[in-house]
């Protein structure tokens, strides 16, 4: 194996992680969907 095997994989991991974090920041929070209960719960 190459001497820099772990370092190379670490660099690739850091790049993927940075890209994932950038993508995650641009996604907004999804609004929660509230279900409306009927007034008469006996139905």
C-alpha atoms as a PDB file:
ATOM      1  CA  UNK A   1       0.000   0.000   0.000  1.00  0.00           C
ATOM      2  CA  UNK A   2       1.029   3.546  -0.555  1.00  0.00           C
ATOM      3  CA  UNK A   3       2.421   5.496   2.358  1.00  0.00           C
ATOM      4  CA  UNK A   4      -0.205   8.190   2.004  1.00  0.00           C
ATOM      5  CA  UNK A   5      -3.203   5.842   1.716  1.00  0.00           C
ATOM      6  CA  UNK A   6      -4.899   7.063   4.896  1.00  0.00           C
ATOM      7  CA  UNK A   7      -4.086  10.704   4.235  1.00  0.00           C
ATOM      8  CA  UNK A   8      -5.535  10.467   0.726  1.00  0.00           C
ATOM      9  CA  UNK A   9      -8.742   8.885   1.969  1.00  0.00           C
ATOM     10  CA  UNK A  10      -8.985  11.429   4.769  1.00  0.00           C
ATOM     11  CA  UNK A  11      -8.766  14.278   2.235  1.00  0.00           C
ATOM     12  CA  UNK A  12     -11.516  12.710   0.109  1.00  0.00           C
ATOM     13  CA  UNK A  13     -13.658  12.292   3.225  1.00  0.00           C
ATOM     14  CA  UNK A  14     -13.158  15.923   4.235  1.00  0.00           C
ATOM     15  CA  UNK A  15     -14.157  17.094   0.738  1.00  0.00           C
ATOM     16  CA  UNK A  16     -17.314  14.953   0.744  1.00  0.00           C
ATOM     17  CA  UNK A  17     -18.171  16.153   4.242  1.00  0.00           C
ATOM     18  CA  UNK A  18     -17.718  19.816   3.282  1.00  0.00           C
ATOM     19  CA  UNK A  19     -19.922  19.373   0.210  1.00  0.00           C
ATOM     20  CA  UNK A  20     -22.596  17.651   2.318  1.00  0.00           C
ATOM     21  CA  UNK A  21     -22.532  20.442   4.905  1.00  0.00           C
ATOM     22  CA  UNK A  22     -22.839  23.118   2.198  1.00  0.00           C
ATOM     23  CA  UNK A  23     -25.825  21.277   0.706  1.00  0.00           C
ATOM     24  CA  UNK A  24     -27.375  20.825   4.154  1.00  0.00           C
ATOM     25  CA  UNK A  25     -27.130  24.557   4.922  1.00  0.00           C
ATOM     26  CA  UNK A  26     -29.097  25.464   1.794  1.00  0.00           C
ATOM     27  CA  UNK A  27     -31.975  23.175   2.702  1.00  0.00           C
ATOM     28  CA  UNK A  28     -34.521  24.987   4.799  1.00  0.00           C
ATOM     29  CA  UNK A  29     -36.521  23.419   7.563  1.00  0.00           C
ATOM     30  CA  UNK A  30     -39.604  21.648   6.341  1.00  0.00           C
ATOM     31  CA  UNK A  31     -42.754  23.115   7.901  1.00  0.00           C
ATOM     32  CA  UNK A  32     -44.500  20.726  10.254  1.00  0.00           C
ATOM     33  CA  UNK A  33     -47.848  19.488   9.030  1.00  0.00           C
ATOM     34  CA  UNK A  34     -50.515  19.768  11.687  1.00  0.00           C
ATOM     35  CA  UNK A  35     -53.469  17.463  11.421  1.00  0.00           C
ATOM     36  CA  UNK A  36     -56.774  19.006  12.349  1.00  0.00           C
ATOM     37  CA  UNK A  37     -58.845  16.933  14.704  1.00  0.00           C
ATOM     38  CA  UNK A  38     -62.599  17.021  14.248  1.00  0.00           C
ATOM     39  CA  UNK A  39     -64.563  18.972  16.872  1.00  0.00           C
ATOM     40  CA  UNK A  40     -66.543  15.890  17.826  1.00  0.00           C
ATOM     41  CA  UNK A  41     -64.059  13.097  18.473  1.00  0.00           C
ATOM     42  CA  UNK A  42     -66.889  10.554  18.745  1.00  0.00           C
ATOM     43  CA  UNK A  43     -67.066  10.428  14.951  1.00  0.00           C
END
